[in-house]
């Protein structure tokens, strides 16, 4: 069975000075997740590994809750 791991680096306009680091970070996170699958891990463990890689990368604000929006009625 083939597997695909897709990771995105957020929904924002990436500044030019962060573009290369952002692409490299997304690739690294996807590779982390895929390596779990190659070792026989399950999908949940692969997603956790990819998310952890994003959270540990300072280029992204993954897990930091920097973009919290409140809707007040």
PDB file of N, CA and C in Angstrom:
ATOM      1  N   UNK A   1       0.841  -1.182   0.000  1.00  0.00           N
ATOM      2  CA  UNK A   1       0.000   0.000   0.000  1.00  0.00           C
ATOM      3  C   UNK A   1       0.885   1.243   0.000  1.00  0.00           C
ATOM      4  N   UNK A   2       0.521   2.210  -0.801  1.00  0.00           N
ATOM      5  CA  UNK A   2       1.246   3.472  -0.842  1.00  0.00           C
ATOM      6  C   UNK A   2       0.680   4.429   0.193  1.00  0.00           C
ATOM      7  N   UNK A   3       1.505   5.356   0.626  1.00  0.00           N
ATOM      8  CA  UNK A   3       1.065   6.351   1.597  1.00  0.00           C
ATOM      9  C   UNK A   3       1.519   7.725   1.131  1.00  0.00           C
ATOM     10  N   UNK A   4       0.742   8.718   1.494  1.00  0.00           N
ATOM     11  CA  UNK A   4       1.075  10.108   1.203  1.00  0.00           C
ATOM     12  C   UNK A   4       0.881  10.903   2.480  1.00  0.00           C
ATOM     13  N   UNK A   5       1.846  11.730   2.812  1.00  0.00           N
ATOM     14  CA  UNK A   5       1.730  12.619   3.966  1.00  0.00           C
ATOM     15  C   UNK A   5       1.740  14.046   3.425  1.00  0.00           C
ATOM     16  N   UNK A   6       0.699  14.799   3.744  1.00  0.00           N
ATOM     17  CA  UNK A   6       0.573  16.175   3.277  1.00  0.00           C
ATOM     18  C   UNK A   6       0.603  17.095   4.492  1.00  0.00           C
ATOM     19  N   UNK A   7       1.443  18.110   4.433  1.00  0.00           N
ATOM     20  CA  UNK A   7       1.590  19.070   5.523  1.00  0.00           C
ATOM     21  C   UNK A   7       1.520  20.468   4.922  1.00  0.00           C
ATOM     22  N   UNK A   8       0.848  21.379   5.591  1.00  0.00           N
ATOM     23  CA  UNK A   8       0.869  22.767   5.118  1.00  0.00           C
ATOM     24  C   UNK A   8       1.364  23.664   6.252  1.00  0.00           C
ATOM     25  N   UNK A   9       1.974  24.755   5.864  1.00  0.00           N
ATOM     26  CA  UNK A   9       2.634  25.629   6.828  1.00  0.00           C
ATOM     27  C   UNK A   9       1.815  26.811   7.287  1.00  0.00           C
ATOM     28  N   UNK A  10       0.513  26.739   7.146  1.00  0.00           N
ATOM     29  CA  UNK A  10      -0.328  27.817   7.635  1.00  0.00           C
ATOM     30  C   UNK A  10      -0.998  28.582   6.513  1.00  0.00           C
ATOM     31  N   UNK A  11      -1.967  29.372   6.884  1.00  0.00           N
ATOM     32  CA  UNK A  11      -2.747  30.145   5.921  1.00  0.00           C
ATOM     33  C   UNK A  11      -2.385  31.614   6.056  1.00  0.00           C
ATOM     34  N   UNK A  12      -1.246  31.972   5.529  1.00  0.00           N
ATOM     35  CA  UNK A  12      -0.800  33.355   5.583  1.00  0.00           C
ATOM     36  C   UNK A  12       0.149  33.609   4.425  1.00  0.00           C
ATOM     37  N   UNK A  13       0.421  34.853   4.167  1.00  0.00           N
ATOM     38  CA  UNK A  13       1.378  35.211   3.128  1.00  0.00           C
ATOM     39  C   UNK A  13       2.767  35.109   3.726  1.00  0.00           C
ATOM     40  N   UNK A  14       3.529  34.168   3.226  1.00  0.00           N
ATOM     41  CA  UNK A  14       4.865  33.910   3.774  1.00  0.00           C
ATOM     42  C   UNK A  14       5.828  34.986   3.282  1.00  0.00           C
ATOM     43  N   UNK A  15       6.490  35.696   4.200  1.00  0.00           N
ATOM     44  CA  UNK A  15       7.465  36.711   3.782  1.00  0.00           C
ATOM     45  C   UNK A  15       8.620  36.068   3.013  1.00  0.00           C
ATOM     46  N   UNK A  16       9.175  36.799   2.078  1.00  0.00           N
ATOM     47  CA  UNK A  16      10.268  36.283   1.249  1.00  0.00           C
ATOM     48  C   UNK A  16      11.404  35.718   2.085  1.00  0.00           C
ATOM     49  N   UNK A  17      11.723  36.391   3.183  1.00  0.00           N
ATOM     50  CA  UNK A  17      12.861  35.938   3.995  1.00  0.00           C
ATOM     51  C   UNK A  17      12.583  34.634   4.746  1.00  0.00           C
ATOM     52  N   UNK A  18      11.325  34.197   4.801  1.00  0.00           N
ATOM     53  CA  UNK A  18      10.977  32.935   5.460  1.00  0.00           C
ATOM     54  C   UNK A  18      10.577  31.842   4.480  1.00  0.00           C
ATOM     55  N   UNK A  19      10.527  32.163   3.206  1.00  0.00           N
ATOM     56  CA  UNK A  19      10.005  31.223   2.207  1.00  0.00           C
ATOM     57  C   UNK A  19      10.798  29.916   2.165  1.00  0.00           C
ATOM     58  N   UNK A  20      12.096  30.010   2.058  1.00  0.00           N
ATOM     59  CA  UNK A  20      12.905  28.791   1.958  1.00  0.00           C
ATOM     60  C   UNK A  20      12.821  27.969   3.250  1.00  0.00           C
ATOM     61  N   UNK A  21      12.905  28.631   4.385  1.00  0.00           N
ATOM     62  CA  UNK A  21      12.810  27.928   5.667  1.00  0.00           C
ATOM     63  C   UNK A  21      11.441  27.296   5.845  1.00  0.00           C
ATOM     64  N   UNK A  22      10.403  27.957   5.344  1.00  0.00           N
ATOM     65  CA  UNK A  22       9.049  27.420   5.436  1.00  0.00           C
ATOM     66  C   UNK A  22       8.901  26.152   4.601  1.00  0.00           C
ATOM     67  N   UNK A  23       9.381  26.202   3.381  1.00  0.00           N
ATOM     68  CA  UNK A  23       9.326  25.018   2.510  1.00  0.00           C
ATOM     69  C   UNK A  23      10.127  23.872   3.129  1.00  0.00           C
ATOM     70  N   UNK A  24      11.323  24.191   3.617  1.00  0.00           N
ATOM     71  CA  UNK A  24      12.144  23.148   4.245  1.00  0.00           C
ATOM     72  C   UNK A  24      11.472  22.576   5.484  1.00  0.00           C
ATOM     73  N   UNK A  25      10.801  23.416   6.252  1.00  0.00           N
ATOM     74  CA  UNK A  25      10.113  22.949   7.452  1.00  0.00           C
ATOM     75  C   UNK A  25       8.945  22.041   7.139  1.00  0.00           C
ATOM     76  N   UNK A  26       8.188  22.384   6.106  1.00  0.00           N
ATOM     77  CA  UNK A  26       7.060  21.551   5.689  1.00  0.00           C
ATOM     78  C   UNK A  26       7.574  20.205   5.175  1.00  0.00           C
ATOM     79  N   UNK A  27       8.636  20.245   4.393  1.00  0.00           N
ATOM     80  CA  UNK A  27       9.217  18.989   3.892  1.00  0.00           C
ATOM     81  C   UNK A  27       9.707  18.112   5.046  1.00  0.00           C
ATOM     82  N   UNK A  28      10.378  18.724   6.021  1.00  0.00           N
ATOM     83  CA  UNK A  28      10.891  17.969   7.164  1.00  0.00           C
ATOM     84  C   UNK A  28       9.752  17.342   7.960  1.00  0.00           C
ATOM     85  N   UNK A  29       8.667  18.086   8.153  1.00  0.00           N
ATOM     86  CA  UNK A  29       7.524  17.563   8.895  1.00  0.00           C
ATOM     87  C   UNK A  29       6.890  16.388   8.149  1.00  0.00           C
ATOM     88  N   UNK A  30       6.737  16.520   6.846  1.00  0.00           N
ATOM     89  CA  UNK A  30       6.177  15.427   6.048  1.00  0.00           C
ATOM     90  C   UNK A  30       7.088  14.195   6.103  1.00  0.00           C
ATOM     91  N   UNK A  31       8.380  14.418   6.046  1.00  0.00           N
ATOM     92  CA  UNK A  31       9.332  13.293   6.126  1.00  0.00           C
ATOM     93  C   UNK A  31       9.267  12.606   7.480  1.00  0.00           C
ATOM     94  N   UNK A  32       9.102  13.385   8.542  1.00  0.00           N
ATOM     95  CA  UNK A  32       8.962  12.799   9.879  1.00  0.00           C
ATOM     96  C   UNK A  32       7.743  11.871   9.928  1.00  0.00           C
ATOM     97  N   UNK A  33       6.623  12.371   9.435  1.00  0.00           N
ATOM     98  CA  UNK A  33       5.413  11.556   9.423  1.00  0.00           C
ATOM     99  C   UNK A  33       5.572  10.321   8.557  1.00  0.00           C
ATOM    100  N   UNK A  34       6.152  10.486   7.393  1.00  0.00           N
ATOM    101  CA  UNK A  34       6.321   9.352   6.484  1.00  0.00           C
ATOM    102  C   UNK A  34       7.272   8.304   7.061  1.00  0.00           C
ATOM    103  N   UNK A  35       8.289   8.756   7.778  1.00  0.00           N
ATOM    104  CA  UNK A  35       9.232   7.788   8.358  1.00  0.00           C
ATOM    105  C   UNK A  35       8.544   6.895   9.395  1.00  0.00           C
ATOM    106  N   UNK A  36       7.561   7.447  10.093  1.00  0.00           N
ATOM    107  CA  UNK A  36       6.786   6.625  11.042  1.00  0.00           C
ATOM    108  C   UNK A  36       6.057   5.526  10.280  1.00  0.00           C
ATOM    109  N   UNK A  37       5.446   5.886   9.154  1.00  0.00           N
ATOM    110  CA  UNK A  37       4.722   4.893   8.361  1.00  0.00           C
ATOM    111  C   UNK A  37       5.664   3.837   7.790  1.00  0.00           C
ATOM    112  N   UNK A  38       6.842   4.256   7.334  1.00  0.00           N
ATOM    113  CA  UNK A  38       7.812   3.307   6.783  1.00  0.00           C
ATOM    114  C   UNK A  38       8.275   2.294   7.816  1.00  0.00           C
ATOM    115  N   UNK A  39       8.285   2.707   9.092  1.00  0.00           N
ATOM    116  CA  UNK A  39       8.694   1.796  10.168  1.00  0.00           C
ATOM    117  C   UNK A  39       7.527   0.944  10.672  1.00  0.00           C
ATOM    118  N   UNK A  40       6.377   1.059  10.011  1.00  0.00           N
ATOM    119  CA  UNK A  40       5.230   0.243  10.393  1.00  0.00           C
ATOM    120  C   UNK A  40       4.278   0.923  11.357  1.00  0.00           C
ATOM    121  N   UNK A  41       4.503   2.209  11.648  1.00  0.00           N
ATOM    122  CA  UNK A  41       3.612   2.936  12.543  1.00  0.00           C
ATOM    123  C   UNK A  41       2.265   3.202  11.897  1.00  0.00           C
ATOM    124  N   UNK A  42       1.308   3.612  12.703  1.00  0.00           N
ATOM    125  CA  UNK A  42      -0.026   3.880  12.171  1.00  0.00           C
ATOM    126  C   UNK A  42      -0.180   5.355  11.799  1.00  0.00           C
ATOM    127  N   UNK A  43      -1.313   5.680  11.197  1.00  0.00           N
ATOM    128  CA  UNK A  43      -1.553   7.031  10.698  1.00  0.00           C
ATOM    129  C   UNK A  43      -1.575   8.063  11.818  1.00  0.00           C
ATOM    130  N   UNK A  44      -2.147   7.706  12.955  1.00  0.00           N
ATOM    131  CA  UNK A  44      -2.213   8.656  14.073  1.00  0.00           C
ATOM    132  C   UNK A  44      -0.809   9.005  14.553  1.00  0.00           C
ATOM    133  N   UNK A  45       0.047   8.012  14.669  1.00  0.00           N
ATOM    134  CA  UNK A  45       1.426   8.264  15.092  1.00  0.00           C
ATOM    135  C   UNK A  45       2.178   9.099  14.055  1.00  0.00           C
ATOM    136  N   UNK A  46       1.886   8.872  12.778  1.00  0.00           N
ATOM    137  CA  UNK A  46       2.531   9.644  11.713  1.00  0.00           C
ATOM    138  C   UNK A  46       2.106  11.112  11.779  1.00  0.00           C
ATOM    139  N   UNK A  47       0.824  11.347  11.993  1.00  0.00           N
ATOM    140  CA  UNK A  47       0.328  12.722  12.109  1.00  0.00           C
ATOM    141  C   UNK A  47       0.938  13.392  13.328  1.00  0.00           C
ATOM    142  N   UNK A  48       1.009  12.668  14.431  1.00  0.00           N
ATOM    143  CA  UNK A  48       1.600  13.238  15.647  1.00  0.00           C
ATOM    144  C   UNK A  48       3.057  13.636  15.422  1.00  0.00           C
ATOM    145  N   UNK A  49       3.806  12.807  14.724  1.00  0.00           N
ATOM    146  CA  UNK A  49       5.211  13.114  14.443  1.00  0.00           C
ATOM    147  C   UNK A  49       5.336  14.346  13.548  1.00  0.00           C
ATOM    148  N   UNK A  50       4.474  14.438  12.545  1.00  0.00           N
ATOM    149  CA  UNK A  50       4.517  15.599  11.646  1.00  0.00           C
ATOM    150  C   UNK A  50       4.143  16.882  12.392  1.00  0.00           C
ATOM    151  N   UNK A  51       3.121  16.808  13.221  1.00  0.00           N
ATOM    152  CA  UNK A  51       2.702  17.983  13.990  1.00  0.00           C
ATOM    153  C   UNK A  51       3.779  18.391  14.977  1.00  0.00           C
ATOM    154  N   UNK A  52       4.391  17.422  15.626  1.00  0.00           N
ATOM    155  CA  UNK A  52       5.463  17.734  16.577  1.00  0.00           C
ATOM    156  C   UNK A  52       6.613  18.446  15.865  1.00  0.00           C
ATOM    157  N   UNK A  53       6.943  18.000  14.658  1.00  0.00           N
ATOM    158  CA  UNK A  53       8.014  18.650  13.890  1.00  0.00           C
ATOM    159  C   UNK A  53       7.651  20.098  13.586  1.00  0.00           C
ATOM    160  N   UNK A  54       6.385  20.353  13.268  1.00  0.00           N
ATOM    161  CA  UNK A  54       5.946  21.733  13.012  1.00  0.00           C
ATOM    162  C   UNK A  54       5.998  22.558  14.295  1.00  0.00           C
ATOM    163  N   UNK A  55       5.566  21.978  15.396  1.00  0.00           N
ATOM    164  CA  UNK A  55       5.580  22.706  16.669  1.00  0.00           C
ATOM    165  C   UNK A  55       6.996  23.042  17.125  1.00  0.00           C
ATOM    166  N   UNK A  56       7.949  22.180  16.806  1.00  0.00           N
ATOM    167  CA  UNK A  56       9.334  22.393  17.217  1.00  0.00           C
ATOM    168  C   UNK A  56      10.097  23.343  16.291  1.00  0.00           C
ATOM    169  N   UNK A  57       9.505  23.690  15.171  1.00  0.00           N
ATOM    170  CA  UNK A  57      10.157  24.553  14.192  1.00  0.00           C
ATOM    171  C   UNK A  57       9.734  26.006  14.434  1.00  0.00           C
ATOM    172  N   UNK A  58      10.688  26.867  14.702  1.00  0.00           N
ATOM    173  CA  UNK A  58      10.390  28.263  15.041  1.00  0.00           C
ATOM    174  C   UNK A  58       9.846  29.083  13.869  1.00  0.00           C
ATOM    175  N   UNK A  59       9.923  28.544  12.658  1.00  0.00           N
ATOM    176  CA  UNK A  59       9.379  29.247  11.503  1.00  0.00           C
ATOM    177  C   UNK A  59       7.848  29.302  11.585  1.00  0.00           C
ATOM    178  N   UNK A  60       7.275  28.294  12.223  1.00  0.00           N
ATOM    179  CA  UNK A  60       5.822  28.194  12.309  1.00  0.00           C
ATOM    180  C   UNK A  60       5.359  28.529  13.716  1.00  0.00           C
ATOM    181  N   UNK A  61       4.096  28.889  13.825  1.00  0.00           N
ATOM    182  CA  UNK A  61       3.544  29.130  15.156  1.00  0.00           C
ATOM    183  C   UNK A  61       2.631  27.980  15.577  1.00  0.00           C
ATOM    184  N   UNK A  62       2.906  26.807  15.054  1.00  0.00           N
ATOM    185  CA  UNK A  62       2.084  25.631  15.344  1.00  0.00           C
ATOM    186  C   UNK A  62       2.063  25.349  16.842  1.00  0.00           C
ATOM    187  N   UNK A  63       0.868  25.217  17.374  1.00  0.00           N
ATOM    188  CA  UNK A  63       0.710  24.911  18.783  1.00  0.00           C
ATOM    189  C   UNK A  63       0.895  26.088  19.718  1.00  0.00           C
ATOM    190  N   UNK A  64       1.099  27.268  19.182  1.00  0.00           N
ATOM    191  CA  UNK A  64       1.374  28.441  20.024  1.00  0.00           C
ATOM    192  C   UNK A  64       0.143  29.310  20.246  1.00  0.00           C
ATOM    193  N   UNK A  65      -0.928  29.054  19.516  1.00  0.00           N
ATOM    194  CA  UNK A  65      -2.168  29.819  19.622  1.00  0.00           C
ATOM    195  C   UNK A  65      -1.957  31.320  19.429  1.00  0.00           C
ATOM    196  N   UNK A  66      -1.096  31.680  18.501  1.00  0.00           N
ATOM    197  CA  UNK A  66      -0.850  33.087  18.236  1.00  0.00           C
ATOM    198  C   UNK A  66      -1.989  33.743  17.465  1.00  0.00           C
ATOM    199  N   UNK A  67      -2.735  32.959  16.745  1.00  0.00           N
ATOM    200  CA  UNK A  67      -3.799  33.504  15.917  1.00  0.00           C
ATOM    201  C   UNK A  67      -5.148  33.065  16.444  1.00  0.00           C
ATOM    202  N   UNK A  68      -5.553  33.636  17.546  1.00  0.00           N
ATOM    203  CA  UNK A  68      -6.834  33.297  18.152  1.00  0.00           C
ATOM    204  C   UNK A  68      -7.825  34.408  17.808  1.00  0.00           C
ATOM    205  N   UNK A  69      -8.948  34.005  17.275  1.00  0.00           N
ATOM    206  CA  UNK A  69      -9.981  34.977  16.908  1.00  0.00           C
ATOM    207  C   UNK A  69     -11.200  34.763  17.797  1.00  0.00           C
ATOM    208  N   UNK A  70     -11.717  35.830  18.340  1.00  0.00           N
ATOM    209  CA  UNK A  70     -12.919  35.779  19.145  1.00  0.00           C
ATOM    210  C   UNK A  70     -14.047  36.473  18.394  1.00  0.00           C
ATOM    211  N   UNK A  71     -15.166  35.833  18.365  1.00  0.00           N
ATOM    212  CA  UNK A  71     -16.333  36.436  17.752  1.00  0.00           C
ATOM    213  C   UNK A  71     -17.288  36.807  18.854  1.00  0.00           C
ATOM    214  N   UNK A  72     -17.516  38.083  18.991  1.00  0.00           N
ATOM    215  CA  UNK A  72     -18.408  38.580  20.034  1.00  0.00           C
ATOM    216  C   UNK A  72     -19.726  38.985  19.402  1.00  0.00           C
ATOM    217  N   UNK A  73     -20.786  38.532  20.000  1.00  0.00           N
ATOM    218  CA  UNK A  73     -22.105  38.899  19.481  1.00  0.00           C
ATOM    219  C   UNK A  73     -22.661  40.052  20.260  1.00  0.00           C
TER     220      UNK A  73
END
